[in-house]
Amino acid sequence: MTSNAYTNTQIITYKEIYASETMGEIVPNAVQHNVPAWTIFAMFFIVLPLAGSMVKEKMEGSIVRLHTMPSSFLLLINGKIIVYVVVCLIQFVLMMSVGLFFLPMLGLPVLDLGNSALGIFVISLATAFAATGFGVMMGTIAKTEQQGAIMGALSILLLSAIGGVWVPTYVMPDTMRQLSVLSPLNWSLDGFYDLLLRGADVRAVLPGAIKLILFFLITMSIASLVNRFKKNV
C-alpha cells in the first residue's frame, strides 16, 4: 500500500526502451557490425589496384594489342575478373578469421557465423563480383592512374559512408537510412546482418545477392560501352 502511494506521488518517471525494441530489429555488437562492414569495404577497395592495372595496360600499349584480337571486350577481360574475384574472396576469408580468432584474444566477442555456410558463400561471391565490376568500370573510364585512384577512392568512401559501413544505418536519420539503400555495400551488409544476427538461411540473402550481380552486369555493360566509344574515337 505504501509502495503504491509512493509511486503515485512521483513527478518524474522513466521507462527503459532499447534501440532494438524501437526499431524492431536486432542491434549488432561491435564485432557483428565491424567485421562484415570492413570486410565489404576492403573487397570494394580493390577498385584501386584493379583500375590502376587497367590504366597501366593502356599506357604501356598492351591493351592495343588485345584489341587486335577478334574477341569482345568482356571476353578479353574475363581473366582479370576471375583473378580479382578470387582475391576478394581471399580477403573475405582473412577478415572472417580475424573475427573468429584474433578479436577474441583482445577480449571481444567471437564472431558468430550463423547457420548458413551456403548463404555466406553466396553473398560474399556476389559482393566480390560487384566490387570487381565496379573496378573494371573505373579502370575503363579513367585516363591516368592518378585519375583512377582518385575516382575509385572517393566513390568507395562515399558509398561506404551512406551504406552503413562507418556508421550503422540503425543510428542514422530517416533520410540517410532511405539513401543507404542506393549503396551496393549496404545490400551486402544487410545480407550479412540477416545471416549473422538473425540466423537466416540462403533464401534471405538472395534478393541482395541478385542486386549485387545486377550491379556487376550494369558496371560491366558501362565499361564495354565506354571501351567501344574510346576505340571508335
C-alpha atoms as a PDB file:
ATOM      1  CA  MET A   1       0.000   0.000   0.000  1.00  0.00           C
ATOM      2  CA  THR A   2       2.787   2.373   0.959  1.00  0.00           C
ATOM      3  CA  SER A   3       4.715   1.454  -2.200  1.00  0.00           C
ATOM      4  CA  ASN A   4       1.734   2.291  -4.446  1.00  0.00           C
ATOM      5  CA  ALA A   5       1.191   5.608  -2.721  1.00  0.00           C
ATOM      6  CA  TYR A   6       4.853   6.496  -3.181  1.00  0.00           C
ATOM      7  CA  THR A   7       4.724   5.592  -6.887  1.00  0.00           C
ATOM      8  CA  ASN A   8       1.631   7.729  -7.464  1.00  0.00           C
ATOM      9  CA  THR A   9       3.343  10.793  -5.983  1.00  0.00           C
ATOM     10  CA  GLN A  10       6.356  10.653  -8.336  1.00  0.00           C
ATOM     11  CA  ILE A  11       6.552  13.660 -10.642  1.00  0.00           C
ATOM     12  CA  ILE A  12       9.164  12.180 -12.978  1.00  0.00           C
ATOM     13  CA  THR A  13       9.048   8.580 -14.111  1.00  0.00           C
ATOM     14  CA  TYR A  14      11.105   6.707 -16.677  1.00  0.00           C
ATOM     15  CA  LYS A  15      10.952   3.555 -18.706  1.00  0.00           C
ATOM     16  CA  GLU A  16      13.919   1.812 -20.310  1.00  0.00           C
ATOM     17  CA  ILE A  17      13.429   1.310 -24.036  1.00  0.00           C
ATOM     18  CA  TYR A  18      16.199  -0.340 -26.015  1.00  0.00           C
ATOM     19  CA  ALA A  19      17.070   0.675 -29.559  1.00  0.00           C
ATOM     20  CA  SER A  20      16.311  -2.820 -30.801  1.00  0.00           C
ATOM     21  CA  GLU A  21      12.787  -2.523 -29.449  1.00  0.00           C
ATOM     22  CA  THR A  22      12.127   0.884 -31.001  1.00  0.00           C
ATOM     23  CA  MET A  23      13.321  -0.139 -34.429  1.00  0.00           C
ATOM     24  CA  GLY A  24      12.004  -3.674 -34.409  1.00  0.00           C
ATOM     25  CA  GLU A  25      15.381  -5.131 -35.257  1.00  0.00           C
ATOM     26  CA  ILE A  26      18.352  -6.761 -33.591  1.00  0.00           C
ATOM     27  CA  VAL A  27      21.229  -4.377 -32.963  1.00  0.00           C
ATOM     28  CA  PRO A  28      24.676  -5.874 -33.715  1.00  0.00           C
ATOM     29  CA  ASN A  29      27.548  -5.634 -31.273  1.00  0.00           C
ATOM     30  CA  ALA A  30      30.929  -4.193 -32.276  1.00  0.00           C
ATOM     31  CA  VAL A  31      32.208  -7.446 -33.779  1.00  0.00           C
ATOM     32  CA  GLN A  32      28.982  -8.314 -35.594  1.00  0.00           C
ATOM     33  CA  HIS A  33      28.961  -4.929 -37.322  1.00  0.00           C
ATOM     34  CA  ASN A  34      32.617  -4.076 -37.852  1.00  0.00           C
ATOM     35  CA  VAL A  35      33.902  -7.404 -39.188  1.00  0.00           C
ATOM     36  CA  PRO A  36      31.426  -7.743 -42.100  1.00  0.00           C
ATOM     37  CA  ALA A  37      31.328  -3.972 -42.684  1.00  0.00           C
ATOM     38  CA  TRP A  38      35.080  -3.573 -43.040  1.00  0.00           C
ATOM     39  CA  THR A  39      35.314  -6.835 -44.976  1.00  0.00           C
ATOM     40  CA  ILE A  40      32.932  -5.417 -47.570  1.00  0.00           C
ATOM     41  CA  PHE A  41      34.843  -2.133 -47.577  1.00  0.00           C
ATOM     42  CA  ALA A  42      38.136  -3.969 -48.205  1.00  0.00           C
ATOM     43  CA  MET A  43      36.587  -6.003 -51.019  1.00  0.00           C
ATOM     44  CA  PHE A  44      35.303  -2.893 -52.779  1.00  0.00           C
ATOM     45  CA  PHE A  45      38.562  -1.040 -52.234  1.00  0.00           C
ATOM     46  CA  ILE A  46      40.099  -3.462 -54.730  1.00  0.00           C
ATOM     47  CA  VAL A  47      38.984  -0.854 -57.240  1.00  0.00           C
ATOM     48  CA  LEU A  48      42.331   0.914 -56.706  1.00  0.00           C
ATOM     49  CA  PRO A  49      44.727  -1.840 -57.843  1.00  0.00           C
ATOM     50  CA  LEU A  50      42.293  -3.072 -60.494  1.00  0.00           C
ATOM     51  CA  ALA A  51      41.730   0.342 -62.055  1.00  0.00           C
ATOM     52  CA  GLY A  52      45.449   1.099 -61.796  1.00  0.00           C
ATOM     53  CA  SER A  53      46.292  -2.153 -63.565  1.00  0.00           C
ATOM     54  CA  MET A  54      43.932  -1.416 -66.429  1.00  0.00           C
ATOM     55  CA  VAL A  55      45.190   2.150 -66.868  1.00  0.00           C
ATOM     56  CA  LYS A  56      48.786   0.896 -66.830  1.00  0.00           C
ATOM     57  CA  GLU A  57      47.954  -1.541 -69.627  1.00  0.00           C
ATOM     58  CA  LYS A  58      46.612   1.376 -71.657  1.00  0.00           C
ATOM     59  CA  MET A  59      49.750   3.436 -71.066  1.00  0.00           C
ATOM     60  CA  GLU A  60      52.054   0.540 -71.993  1.00  0.00           C
ATOM     61  CA  GLY A  61      50.096  -0.247 -75.148  1.00  0.00           C
ATOM     62  CA  SER A  62      49.316  -3.854 -74.268  1.00  0.00           C
ATOM     63  CA  ILE A  63      45.599  -3.120 -74.390  1.00  0.00           C
ATOM     64  CA  VAL A  64      46.007  -2.072 -78.037  1.00  0.00           C
ATOM     65  CA  ARG A  65      47.442  -5.486 -78.893  1.00  0.00           C
ATOM     66  CA  LEU A  66      44.494  -7.126 -77.132  1.00  0.00           C
ATOM     67  CA  HIS A  67      42.069  -5.068 -79.189  1.00  0.00           C
ATOM     68  CA  THR A  68      43.545  -6.512 -82.369  1.00  0.00           C
ATOM     69  CA  MET A  69      42.240  -9.925 -81.347  1.00  0.00           C
ATOM     70  CA  PRO A  70      38.835 -10.918 -82.790  1.00  0.00           C
ATOM     71  CA  SER A  71      37.182 -11.092 -79.367  1.00  0.00           C
ATOM     72  CA  SER A  72      34.791  -8.928 -77.412  1.00  0.00           C
ATOM     73  CA  PHE A  73      35.909  -6.676 -74.570  1.00  0.00           C
ATOM     74  CA  LEU A  74      34.091  -8.794 -71.993  1.00  0.00           C
ATOM     75  CA  LEU A  75      35.817 -11.947 -73.187  1.00  0.00           C
ATOM     76  CA  LEU A  76      39.235 -10.289 -73.024  1.00  0.00           C
ATOM     77  CA  ILE A  77      38.604  -9.007 -69.504  1.00  0.00           C
ATOM     78  CA  ASN A  78      37.299 -12.329 -68.127  1.00  0.00           C
ATOM     79  CA  GLY A  79      40.726 -13.437 -66.883  1.00  0.00           C
ATOM     80  CA  LYS A  80      41.186 -10.234 -64.905  1.00  0.00           C
ATOM     81  CA  ILE A  81      37.703 -10.556 -63.430  1.00  0.00           C
ATOM     82  CA  ILE A  82      38.309 -14.127 -62.238  1.00  0.00           C
ATOM     83  CA  VAL A  83      41.656 -13.213 -60.645  1.00  0.00           C
ATOM     84  CA  TYR A  84      40.271 -10.245 -58.720  1.00  0.00           C
ATOM     85  CA  VAL A  85      37.142 -12.123 -57.617  1.00  0.00           C
ATOM     86  CA  VAL A  86      39.427 -14.770 -56.114  1.00  0.00           C
ATOM     87  CA  VAL A  87      41.472 -12.023 -54.415  1.00  0.00           C
ATOM     88  CA  CYS A  88      38.258 -10.583 -52.934  1.00  0.00           C
ATOM     89  CA  LEU A  89      37.257 -13.996 -51.601  1.00  0.00           C
ATOM     90  CA  ILE A  90      40.701 -14.432 -50.012  1.00  0.00           C
ATOM     91  CA  GLN A  91      40.260 -11.044 -48.341  1.00  0.00           C
ATOM     92  CA  PHE A  92      36.883 -12.197 -47.080  1.00  0.00           C
ATOM     93  CA  VAL A  93      38.297 -15.376 -45.539  1.00  0.00           C
ATOM     94  CA  LEU A  94      41.128 -13.460 -43.853  1.00  0.00           C
ATOM     95  CA  MET A  95      38.781 -10.860 -42.369  1.00  0.00           C
ATOM     96  CA  MET A  96      36.396 -13.520 -41.095  1.00  0.00           C
ATOM     97  CA  SER A  97      39.378 -15.247 -39.490  1.00  0.00           C
ATOM     98  CA  VAL A  98      40.165 -12.020 -37.647  1.00  0.00           C
ATOM     99  CA  GLY A  99      36.660 -12.024 -36.176  1.00  0.00           C
ATOM    100  CA  LEU A 100      36.871 -15.689 -35.249  1.00  0.00           C
ATOM    101  CA  PHE A 101      40.373 -15.908 -33.782  1.00  0.00           C
ATOM    102  CA  PHE A 102      42.113 -12.554 -33.299  1.00  0.00           C
ATOM    103  CA  LEU A 103      39.414 -10.291 -31.847  1.00  0.00           C
ATOM    104  CA  PRO A 104      38.526 -12.791 -29.051  1.00  0.00           C
ATOM    105  CA  MET A 105      42.161 -12.561 -27.951  1.00  0.00           C
ATOM    106  CA  LEU A 106      41.509  -8.849 -27.307  1.00  0.00           C
ATOM    107  CA  GLY A 107      38.528  -9.633 -25.108  1.00  0.00           C
ATOM    108  CA  LEU A 108      35.878  -9.026 -27.763  1.00  0.00           C
ATOM    109  CA  PRO A 109      33.063 -11.474 -28.566  1.00  0.00           C
ATOM    110  CA  VAL A 110      33.684 -14.259 -31.056  1.00  0.00           C
ATOM    111  CA  LEU A 111      32.096 -13.653 -34.445  1.00  0.00           C
ATOM    112  CA  ASP A 112      29.048 -15.900 -34.847  1.00  0.00           C
ATOM    113  CA  LEU A 113      28.791 -17.000 -38.485  1.00  0.00           C
ATOM    114  CA  GLY A 114      25.151 -18.007 -38.209  1.00  0.00           C
ATOM    115  CA  ASN A 115      23.580 -21.181 -39.538  1.00  0.00           C
ATOM    116  CA  SER A 116      24.088 -20.996 -43.301  1.00  0.00           C
ATOM    117  CA  ALA A 117      27.528 -21.511 -44.802  1.00  0.00           C
ATOM    118  CA  LEU A 118      25.897 -21.510 -48.251  1.00  0.00           C
ATOM    119  CA  GLY A 119      24.319 -18.127 -47.564  1.00  0.00           C
ATOM    120  CA  ILE A 120      27.689 -16.672 -46.554  1.00  0.00           C
ATOM    121  CA  PHE A 121      29.291 -18.038 -49.716  1.00  0.00           C
ATOM    122  CA  VAL A 122      26.520 -16.660 -51.953  1.00  0.00           C
ATOM    123  CA  ILE A 123      26.576 -13.126 -50.529  1.00  0.00           C
ATOM    124  CA  SER A 124      30.382 -12.983 -50.406  1.00  0.00           C
ATOM    125  CA  LEU A 125      30.689 -14.200 -54.012  1.00  0.00           C
ATOM    126  CA  ALA A 126      28.079 -11.690 -55.198  1.00  0.00           C
ATOM    127  CA  THR A 127      29.931  -8.926 -53.325  1.00  0.00           C
ATOM    128  CA  ALA A 128      33.218  -9.969 -54.940  1.00  0.00           C
ATOM    129  CA  PHE A 129      31.688  -9.758 -58.422  1.00  0.00           C
ATOM    130  CA  ALA A 130      30.093  -6.376 -57.668  1.00  0.00           C
ATOM    131  CA  ALA A 131      33.391  -4.973 -56.385  1.00  0.00           C
ATOM    132  CA  THR A 132      35.311  -6.328 -59.392  1.00  0.00           C
ATOM    133  CA  GLY A 133      32.780  -4.979 -61.872  1.00  0.00           C
ATOM    134  CA  PHE A 134      32.988  -1.558 -60.259  1.00  0.00           C
ATOM    135  CA  GLY A 135      36.784  -1.667 -60.513  1.00  0.00           C
ATOM    136  CA  VAL A 136      36.659  -2.625 -64.203  1.00  0.00           C
ATOM    137  CA  MET A 137      34.272   0.254 -64.899  1.00  0.00           C
ATOM    138  CA  MET A 138      36.524   2.746 -63.129  1.00  0.00           C
ATOM    139  CA  GLY A 139      39.602   1.403 -64.903  1.00  0.00           C
ATOM    140  CA  THR A 140      37.880   1.765 -68.273  1.00  0.00           C
ATOM    141  CA  ILE A 141      36.694   5.317 -67.627  1.00  0.00           C
ATOM    142  CA  ALA A 142      39.927   6.645 -66.082  1.00  0.00           C
ATOM    143  CA  LYS A 143      42.609   8.040 -68.388  1.00  0.00           C
ATOM    144  CA  THR A 144      45.511   8.053 -65.907  1.00  0.00           C
ATOM    145  CA  GLU A 145      46.458   6.063 -62.808  1.00  0.00           C
ATOM    146  CA  GLN A 146      46.032   9.154 -60.631  1.00  0.00           C
ATOM    147  CA  GLN A 147      42.564   9.774 -62.029  1.00  0.00           C
ATOM    148  CA  GLY A 148      41.573   6.160 -61.453  1.00  0.00           C
ATOM    149  CA  ALA A 149      42.866   6.242 -57.876  1.00  0.00           C
ATOM    150  CA  ILE A 150      41.028   9.463 -57.024  1.00  0.00           C
ATOM    151  CA  MET A 151      37.762   8.442 -58.667  1.00  0.00           C
ATOM    152  CA  GLY A 152      37.873   4.976 -57.176  1.00  0.00           C
ATOM    153  CA  ALA A 153      38.789   6.057 -53.653  1.00  0.00           C
ATOM    154  CA  LEU A 154      36.240   8.881 -53.457  1.00  0.00           C
ATOM    155  CA  SER A 155      33.411   6.766 -54.851  1.00  0.00           C
ATOM    156  CA  ILE A 156      34.070   3.891 -52.439  1.00  0.00           C
ATOM    157  CA  LEU A 157      34.363   6.254 -49.477  1.00  0.00           C
ATOM    158  CA  LEU A 158      31.043   7.864 -50.431  1.00  0.00           C
ATOM    159  CA  LEU A 159      29.262   4.537 -50.936  1.00  0.00           C
ATOM    160  CA  SER A 160      30.685   3.306 -47.617  1.00  0.00           C
ATOM    161  CA  ALA A 161      29.531   6.399 -45.751  1.00  0.00           C
ATOM    162  CA  ILE A 162      25.944   6.220 -46.982  1.00  0.00           C
ATOM    163  CA  GLY A 163      25.872   2.415 -46.953  1.00  0.00           C
ATOM    164  CA  GLY A 164      26.286   1.994 -43.197  1.00  0.00           C
ATOM    165  CA  VAL A 165      29.900   0.798 -43.124  1.00  0.00           C
ATOM    166  CA  TRP A 166      31.233   3.590 -40.931  1.00  0.00           C
ATOM    167  CA  VAL A 167      28.046   4.459 -39.053  1.00  0.00           C
ATOM    168  CA  PRO A 168      25.398   1.700 -38.795  1.00  0.00           C
ATOM    169  CA  THR A 169      22.182   2.573 -40.565  1.00  0.00           C
ATOM    170  CA  TYR A 170      20.079   1.956 -37.454  1.00  0.00           C
ATOM    171  CA  VAL A 171      21.509   5.094 -35.825  1.00  0.00           C
ATOM    172  CA  MET A 172      21.165   7.231 -38.959  1.00  0.00           C
ATOM    173  CA  PRO A 173      18.363   9.751 -39.500  1.00  0.00           C
ATOM    174  CA  ASP A 174      15.455   8.550 -41.617  1.00  0.00           C
ATOM    175  CA  THR A 175      16.679  10.454 -44.679  1.00  0.00           C
ATOM    176  CA  MET A 176      20.090   8.797 -44.558  1.00  0.00           C
ATOM    177  CA  ARG A 177      18.545   5.377 -43.991  1.00  0.00           C
ATOM    178  CA  GLN A 178      16.471   5.803 -47.135  1.00  0.00           C
ATOM    179  CA  LEU A 179      19.561   6.968 -49.037  1.00  0.00           C
ATOM    180  CA  SER A 180      21.606   3.994 -47.818  1.00  0.00           C
ATOM    181  CA  VAL A 181      19.605   1.543 -49.958  1.00  0.00           C
ATOM    182  CA  LEU A 182      21.301   3.047 -53.038  1.00  0.00           C
ATOM    183  CA  SER A 183      24.704   1.728 -51.967  1.00  0.00           C
ATOM    184  CA  PRO A 184      25.769  -1.789 -53.049  1.00  0.00           C
ATOM    185  CA  LEU A 185      27.795  -2.011 -49.845  1.00  0.00           C
ATOM    186  CA  ASN A 186      24.522  -1.704 -47.925  1.00  0.00           C
ATOM    187  CA  TRP A 187      22.967  -4.567 -49.901  1.00  0.00           C
ATOM    188  CA  SER A 188      25.854  -6.793 -48.928  1.00  0.00           C
ATOM    189  CA  LEU A 189      25.893  -5.620 -45.299  1.00  0.00           C
ATOM    190  CA  ASP A 190      22.167  -6.279 -44.914  1.00  0.00           C
ATOM    191  CA  GLY A 191      22.739  -9.795 -46.189  1.00  0.00           C
ATOM    192  CA  PHE A 192      25.420 -10.410 -43.590  1.00  0.00           C
ATOM    193  CA  TYR A 193      23.128  -8.983 -40.897  1.00  0.00           C
ATOM    194  CA  ASP A 194      20.456 -11.499 -41.895  1.00  0.00           C
ATOM    195  CA  LEU A 195      22.930 -14.377 -41.682  1.00  0.00           C
ATOM    196  CA  LEU A 196      24.980 -13.395 -38.638  1.00  0.00           C
ATOM    197  CA  LEU A 197      22.321 -11.758 -36.464  1.00  0.00           C
ATOM    198  CA  ARG A 198      19.029 -13.325 -37.407  1.00  0.00           C
ATOM    199  CA  GLY A 199      20.193 -16.846 -38.233  1.00  0.00           C
ATOM    200  CA  ALA A 200      18.603 -16.678 -41.683  1.00  0.00           C
ATOM    201  CA  ASP A 201      19.271 -19.136 -44.488  1.00  0.00           C
ATOM    202  CA  VAL A 202      20.383 -18.594 -48.077  1.00  0.00           C
ATOM    203  CA  ARG A 203      16.884 -17.597 -49.208  1.00  0.00           C
ATOM    204  CA  ALA A 204      17.049 -14.438 -47.108  1.00  0.00           C
ATOM    205  CA  VAL A 205      20.169 -13.153 -48.882  1.00  0.00           C
ATOM    206  CA  LEU A 206      19.094 -13.973 -52.433  1.00  0.00           C
ATOM    207  CA  PRO A 207      17.451 -10.550 -53.073  1.00  0.00           C
ATOM    208  CA  GLY A 208      20.617  -8.731 -52.008  1.00  0.00           C
ATOM    209  CA  ALA A 209      22.825 -11.143 -53.962  1.00  0.00           C
ATOM    210  CA  ILE A 210      20.712 -10.655 -57.088  1.00  0.00           C
ATOM    211  CA  LYS A 211      21.016  -6.871 -56.780  1.00  0.00           C
ATOM    212  CA  LEU A 212      24.794  -7.187 -56.428  1.00  0.00           C
ATOM    213  CA  ILE A 213      25.010  -9.398 -59.538  1.00  0.00           C
ATOM    214  CA  LEU A 214      22.827  -6.917 -61.440  1.00  0.00           C
ATOM    215  CA  PHE A 215      25.179  -4.164 -60.285  1.00  0.00           C
ATOM    216  CA  PHE A 216      28.082  -6.212 -61.683  1.00  0.00           C
ATOM    217  CA  LEU A 217      26.315  -6.652 -65.032  1.00  0.00           C
ATOM    218  CA  ILE A 218      25.453  -2.948 -65.239  1.00  0.00           C
ATOM    219  CA  THR A 219      29.015  -1.827 -64.459  1.00  0.00           C
ATOM    220  CA  MET A 220      30.424  -4.308 -66.982  1.00  0.00           C
ATOM    221  CA  SER A 221      27.973  -3.056 -69.614  1.00  0.00           C
ATOM    222  CA  ILE A 222      29.032   0.532 -68.952  1.00  0.00           C
ATOM    223  CA  ALA A 223      32.695  -0.489 -69.183  1.00  0.00           C
ATOM    224  CA  SER A 224      32.033  -2.244 -72.508  1.00  0.00           C
ATOM    225  CA  LEU A 225      30.233   0.793 -73.957  1.00  0.00           C
ATOM    226  CA  VAL A 226      32.961   3.187 -72.814  1.00  0.00           C
ATOM    227  CA  ASN A 227      35.645   0.903 -74.258  1.00  0.00           C
ATOM    228  CA  ARG A 228      33.804   0.708 -77.590  1.00  0.00           C
ATOM    229  CA  PHE A 229      33.452   4.504 -77.681  1.00  0.00           C
ATOM    230  CA  LYS A 230      37.151   5.034 -76.990  1.00  0.00           C
ATOM    231  CA  LYS A 231      38.116   2.551 -79.714  1.00  0.00           C
ATOM    232  CA  ASN A 232      35.983   4.398 -82.269  1.00  0.00           C
ATOM    233  CA  VAL A 233      37.452   7.737 -81.226  1.00  0.00           C
END
